[in-house]
Amino acid sequence: MIGYRVKSLREERKMSISELSIKSGVAKSYISSLERNLQTNPTILVLEKIARILCIKVDALLNEQVDKSMDEEWMEIMLDVLGAGISKEEIREFIQDRK
């Protein structure tokens, strides 16, 4: 179930529900309900917000057999990028400038 995978991934990253809520913009009560499988039909928008903070693809939340892992160092870098407020467009521009 999606809620179990969210909780498992969040705990793997040593992140509290409050921290995930603040970083993702999804209400703490909603995440809690999702993790307890009280909320079983989250929108794609909610899943995208949560997946972005957990540094995974939405597929990893929807499908049990999708590879959910990301190299720990890359995950830390991505969290730093998100925390610094750097947009995807800025990253793409940086990559294009380096080519």
N, C-alpha and C. Protein backbone atom coordinates (compact mmCIF):
# COMPACT_ATOMS: atom_id res chain seq x y z
N MET A 1 0.83 -1.19 0.00
CA MET A 1 0.00 0.00 0.00
C MET A 1 0.88 1.25 0.00
N ILE A 2 0.34 2.31 -0.57
CA ILE A 2 1.09 3.55 -0.70
C ILE A 2 1.52 4.09 0.65
N GLY A 3 0.62 4.11 1.60
CA GLY A 3 0.92 4.65 2.93
C GLY A 3 2.09 3.95 3.60
N TYR A 4 2.11 2.65 3.48
CA TYR A 4 3.21 1.88 4.07
C TYR A 4 4.53 2.26 3.42
N ARG A 5 4.52 2.41 2.08
CA ARG A 5 5.75 2.76 1.38
C ARG A 5 6.22 4.18 1.75
N VAL A 6 5.28 5.11 1.89
CA VAL A 6 5.64 6.47 2.31
C VAL A 6 6.29 6.43 3.68
N LYS A 7 5.67 5.74 4.61
CA LYS A 7 6.21 5.66 5.97
C LYS A 7 7.58 5.01 5.98
N SER A 8 7.72 3.92 5.27
CA SER A 8 8.98 3.19 5.23
C SER A 8 10.10 4.05 4.65
N LEU A 9 9.83 4.72 3.55
CA LEU A 9 10.83 5.57 2.92
C LEU A 9 11.16 6.78 3.79
N ARG A 10 10.15 7.36 4.41
CA ARG A 10 10.37 8.50 5.30
C ARG A 10 11.27 8.10 6.46
N GLU A 11 10.98 6.96 7.07
CA GLU A 11 11.77 6.48 8.20
C GLU A 11 13.19 6.11 7.78
N GLU A 12 13.35 5.54 6.58
CA GLU A 12 14.68 5.23 6.06
C GLU A 12 15.55 6.48 6.00
N ARG A 13 14.91 7.59 5.71
CA ARG A 13 15.62 8.85 5.57
C ARG A 13 15.68 9.63 6.89
N LYS A 14 15.23 8.95 7.96
CA LYS A 14 15.26 9.54 9.30
C LYS A 14 14.57 10.91 9.32
N MET A 15 13.40 10.94 8.70
CA MET A 15 12.64 12.17 8.58
C MET A 15 11.33 12.01 9.36
N SER A 16 10.96 13.03 10.10
CA SER A 16 9.69 12.99 10.84
C SER A 16 8.54 13.35 9.90
N ILE A 17 7.34 13.05 10.33
CA ILE A 17 6.16 13.44 9.55
C ILE A 17 6.13 14.96 9.42
N SER A 18 6.46 15.65 10.51
CA SER A 18 6.46 17.13 10.48
C SER A 18 7.44 17.65 9.44
N GLU A 19 8.63 17.07 9.40
CA GLU A 19 9.64 17.51 8.44
C GLU A 19 9.18 17.26 7.01
N LEU A 20 8.63 16.08 6.75
CA LEU A 20 8.12 15.77 5.42
C LEU A 20 7.00 16.72 5.04
N SER A 21 6.15 17.03 5.99
CA SER A 21 5.04 17.95 5.76
C SER A 21 5.54 19.34 5.38
N ILE A 22 6.47 19.86 6.16
CA ILE A 22 7.00 21.20 5.89
C ILE A 22 7.68 21.27 4.54
N LYS A 23 8.52 20.28 4.24
CA LYS A 23 9.29 20.29 3.00
C LYS A 23 8.41 20.05 1.77
N SER A 24 7.37 19.23 1.93
CA SER A 24 6.54 18.87 0.77
C SER A 24 5.34 19.81 0.59
N GLY A 25 4.94 20.48 1.67
CA GLY A 25 3.75 21.31 1.58
C GLY A 25 2.45 20.53 1.71
N VAL A 26 2.56 19.28 2.15
CA VAL A 26 1.39 18.43 2.37
C VAL A 26 1.10 18.43 3.87
N ALA A 27 -0.14 18.60 4.24
CA ALA A 27 -0.51 18.69 5.66
C ALA A 27 -0.04 17.47 6.45
N LYS A 28 0.45 17.74 7.64
CA LYS A 28 0.94 16.67 8.51
C LYS A 28 -0.17 15.65 8.78
N SER A 29 -1.37 16.13 9.02
CA SER A 29 -2.49 15.22 9.29
C SER A 29 -2.79 14.33 8.09
N TYR A 30 -2.62 14.88 6.88
CA TYR A 30 -2.86 14.10 5.67
C TYR A 30 -1.80 13.00 5.53
N ILE A 31 -0.53 13.36 5.76
CA ILE A 31 0.54 12.36 5.67
C ILE A 31 0.32 11.27 6.71
N SER A 32 -0.07 11.67 7.91
CA SER A 32 -0.34 10.69 8.97
C SER A 32 -1.47 9.75 8.56
N SER A 33 -2.54 10.30 8.02
CA SER A 33 -3.66 9.47 7.56
C SER A 33 -3.26 8.56 6.43
N LEU A 34 -2.41 9.06 5.55
CA LEU A 34 -1.92 8.27 4.43
C LEU A 34 -1.08 7.10 4.94
N GLU A 35 -0.18 7.39 5.87
CA GLU A 35 0.69 6.34 6.40
C GLU A 35 -0.07 5.28 7.19
N ARG A 36 -1.18 5.67 7.79
CA ARG A 36 -2.00 4.71 8.55
C ARG A 36 -3.06 4.06 7.67
N ASN A 37 -2.97 4.32 6.37
CA ASN A 37 -3.89 3.77 5.38
C ASN A 37 -5.34 4.14 5.62
N LEU A 38 -5.55 5.29 6.24
CA LEU A 38 -6.89 5.84 6.37
C LEU A 38 -7.24 6.62 5.10
N GLN A 39 -6.24 7.22 4.53
CA GLN A 39 -6.35 7.91 3.24
C GLN A 39 -5.72 6.99 2.21
N THR A 40 -6.55 6.42 1.33
CA THR A 40 -6.03 5.41 0.41
C THR A 40 -6.04 5.84 -1.05
N ASN A 41 -6.46 7.07 -1.32
CA ASN A 41 -6.54 7.51 -2.71
C ASN A 41 -5.97 8.92 -2.87
N PRO A 42 -4.67 9.08 -2.60
CA PRO A 42 -4.07 10.42 -2.72
C PRO A 42 -3.99 10.85 -4.18
N THR A 43 -4.02 12.14 -4.39
CA THR A 43 -3.89 12.66 -5.76
C THR A 43 -2.45 12.52 -6.23
N ILE A 44 -2.29 12.57 -7.54
CA ILE A 44 -0.95 12.52 -8.12
C ILE A 44 -0.13 13.71 -7.65
N LEU A 45 -0.76 14.87 -7.50
CA LEU A 45 -0.06 16.06 -7.03
C LEU A 45 0.54 15.83 -5.64
N VAL A 46 -0.23 15.24 -4.74
CA VAL A 46 0.27 14.93 -3.40
C VAL A 46 1.43 13.93 -3.49
N LEU A 47 1.26 12.90 -4.29
CA LEU A 47 2.32 11.90 -4.43
C LEU A 47 3.58 12.51 -5.02
N GLU A 48 3.43 13.42 -5.97
CA GLU A 48 4.59 14.08 -6.57
C GLU A 48 5.34 14.91 -5.53
N LYS A 49 4.60 15.63 -4.70
CA LYS A 49 5.22 16.45 -3.66
C LYS A 49 6.00 15.59 -2.67
N ILE A 50 5.39 14.50 -2.25
CA ILE A 50 6.04 13.60 -1.29
C ILE A 50 7.24 12.91 -1.92
N ALA A 51 7.06 12.40 -3.14
CA ALA A 51 8.14 11.69 -3.84
C ALA A 51 9.34 12.60 -4.06
N ARG A 52 9.10 13.86 -4.39
CA ARG A 52 10.20 14.81 -4.62
C ARG A 52 11.06 14.94 -3.38
N ILE A 53 10.44 15.06 -2.22
CA ILE A 53 11.18 15.22 -0.98
C ILE A 53 11.89 13.93 -0.58
N LEU A 54 11.28 12.80 -0.90
CA LEU A 54 11.91 11.51 -0.59
C LEU A 54 12.92 11.10 -1.65
N CYS A 55 13.07 11.94 -2.69
CA CYS A 55 14.04 11.70 -3.77
C CYS A 55 13.78 10.37 -4.49
N ILE A 56 12.54 10.16 -4.81
CA ILE A 56 12.16 8.96 -5.55
C ILE A 56 11.17 9.36 -6.64
N LYS A 57 10.87 8.43 -7.52
CA LYS A 57 9.85 8.65 -8.54
C LYS A 57 8.50 8.25 -7.96
N VAL A 58 7.45 8.85 -8.46
CA VAL A 58 6.10 8.52 -8.01
C VAL A 58 5.84 7.02 -8.19
N ASP A 59 6.39 6.44 -9.25
CA ASP A 59 6.23 5.00 -9.49
C ASP A 59 6.64 4.17 -8.28
N ALA A 60 7.65 4.63 -7.56
CA ALA A 60 8.14 3.88 -6.40
C ALA A 60 7.10 3.86 -5.28
N LEU A 61 6.22 4.84 -5.26
CA LEU A 61 5.14 4.83 -4.27
C LEU A 61 3.96 3.99 -4.74
N LEU A 62 3.77 3.92 -6.04
CA LEU A 62 2.62 3.21 -6.59
C LEU A 62 2.87 1.72 -6.79
N ASN A 63 4.10 1.37 -7.11
CA ASN A 63 4.43 -0.02 -7.44
C ASN A 63 5.46 -0.57 -6.48
N GLU A 64 5.14 -1.67 -5.87
CA GLU A 64 6.05 -2.28 -4.90
C GLU A 64 7.36 -2.72 -5.53
N GLN A 65 7.36 -3.10 -6.79
CA GLN A 65 8.54 -3.72 -7.38
C GLN A 65 9.46 -2.74 -8.08
N VAL A 66 9.10 -1.46 -8.11
CA VAL A 66 9.97 -0.46 -8.73
C VAL A 66 11.17 -0.21 -7.83
N ASP A 67 12.34 -0.05 -8.41
CA ASP A 67 13.53 0.24 -7.62
C ASP A 67 13.39 1.63 -7.01
N LYS A 68 13.34 1.69 -5.69
CA LYS A 68 13.08 2.93 -4.98
C LYS A 68 14.36 3.63 -4.55
N SER A 69 15.45 2.96 -4.66
CA SER A 69 16.66 3.49 -4.06
C SER A 69 17.36 4.49 -4.96
N MET A 70 18.00 5.42 -4.30
CA MET A 70 18.85 6.39 -4.96
C MET A 70 20.13 6.43 -4.14
N ASP A 71 21.23 6.52 -4.81
CA ASP A 71 22.50 6.62 -4.13
C ASP A 71 22.37 7.66 -3.01
N GLU A 72 22.81 7.32 -1.81
CA GLU A 72 22.67 8.20 -0.64
C GLU A 72 23.30 9.57 -0.88
N GLU A 73 24.45 9.59 -1.51
CA GLU A 73 25.12 10.88 -1.75
C GLU A 73 24.28 11.75 -2.68
N TRP A 74 23.70 11.15 -3.73
CA TRP A 74 22.83 11.92 -4.63
C TRP A 74 21.60 12.42 -3.89
N MET A 75 21.07 11.60 -3.02
CA MET A 75 19.90 12.01 -2.26
C MET A 75 20.22 13.23 -1.39
N GLU A 76 21.37 13.20 -0.74
CA GLU A 76 21.78 14.34 0.09
C GLU A 76 21.96 15.60 -0.76
N ILE A 77 22.56 15.44 -1.92
CA ILE A 77 22.75 16.57 -2.83
C ILE A 77 21.40 17.14 -3.25
N MET A 78 20.47 16.27 -3.61
CA MET A 78 19.16 16.73 -4.04
C MET A 78 18.42 17.44 -2.91
N LEU A 79 18.53 16.94 -1.70
CA LEU A 79 17.90 17.61 -0.56
C LEU A 79 18.53 18.98 -0.33
N ASP A 80 19.86 19.09 -0.51
CA ASP A 80 20.53 20.38 -0.40
C ASP A 80 20.03 21.35 -1.47
N VAL A 81 19.89 20.85 -2.68
CA VAL A 81 19.41 21.68 -3.79
C VAL A 81 17.99 22.18 -3.48
N LEU A 82 17.13 21.27 -3.04
CA LEU A 82 15.76 21.67 -2.71
C LEU A 82 15.75 22.68 -1.57
N GLY A 83 16.58 22.45 -0.57
CA GLY A 83 16.64 23.36 0.57
C GLY A 83 17.16 24.74 0.21
N ALA A 84 18.00 24.80 -0.83
CA ALA A 84 18.56 26.07 -1.27
C ALA A 84 17.61 26.83 -2.19
N GLY A 85 16.50 26.19 -2.54
CA GLY A 85 15.51 26.86 -3.39
C GLY A 85 15.88 26.91 -4.86
N ILE A 86 16.77 26.04 -5.28
CA ILE A 86 17.18 26.00 -6.68
C ILE A 86 16.11 25.26 -7.47
N SER A 87 15.67 25.87 -8.57
CA SER A 87 14.58 25.28 -9.36
C SER A 87 15.12 24.26 -10.37
N LYS A 88 14.22 23.44 -10.88
CA LYS A 88 14.58 22.48 -11.92
C LYS A 88 15.10 23.20 -13.16
N GLU A 89 14.48 24.34 -13.46
CA GLU A 89 14.90 25.11 -14.63
C GLU A 89 16.34 25.60 -14.47
N GLU A 90 16.70 26.04 -13.26
CA GLU A 90 18.07 26.50 -13.01
C GLU A 90 19.07 25.35 -13.17
N ILE A 91 18.68 24.17 -12.71
CA ILE A 91 19.55 23.00 -12.86
C ILE A 91 19.71 22.65 -14.33
N ARG A 92 18.61 22.68 -15.07
CA ARG A 92 18.68 22.39 -16.51
C ARG A 92 19.57 23.39 -17.23
N GLU A 93 19.43 24.67 -16.88
CA GLU A 93 20.28 25.70 -17.49
C GLU A 93 21.75 25.44 -17.18
N PHE A 94 22.04 25.08 -15.94
CA PHE A 94 23.40 24.78 -15.55
C PHE A 94 23.96 23.63 -16.40
N ILE A 95 23.17 22.59 -16.55
CA ILE A 95 23.61 21.43 -17.33
C ILE A 95 23.85 21.83 -18.78
N GLN A 96 22.94 22.60 -19.33
CA GLN A 96 23.09 23.04 -20.73
C GLN A 96 24.34 23.88 -20.90
N ASP A 97 24.65 24.74 -19.94
CA ASP A 97 25.84 25.58 -20.01
C ASP A 97 27.12 24.77 -19.96
N ARG A 98 27.07 23.60 -19.32
CA ARG A 98 28.24 22.75 -19.16
C ARG A 98 28.52 21.90 -20.40
N LYS A 99 27.54 21.78 -21.28
CA LYS A 99 27.71 20.93 -22.48
C LYS A 99 28.54 21.62 -23.54
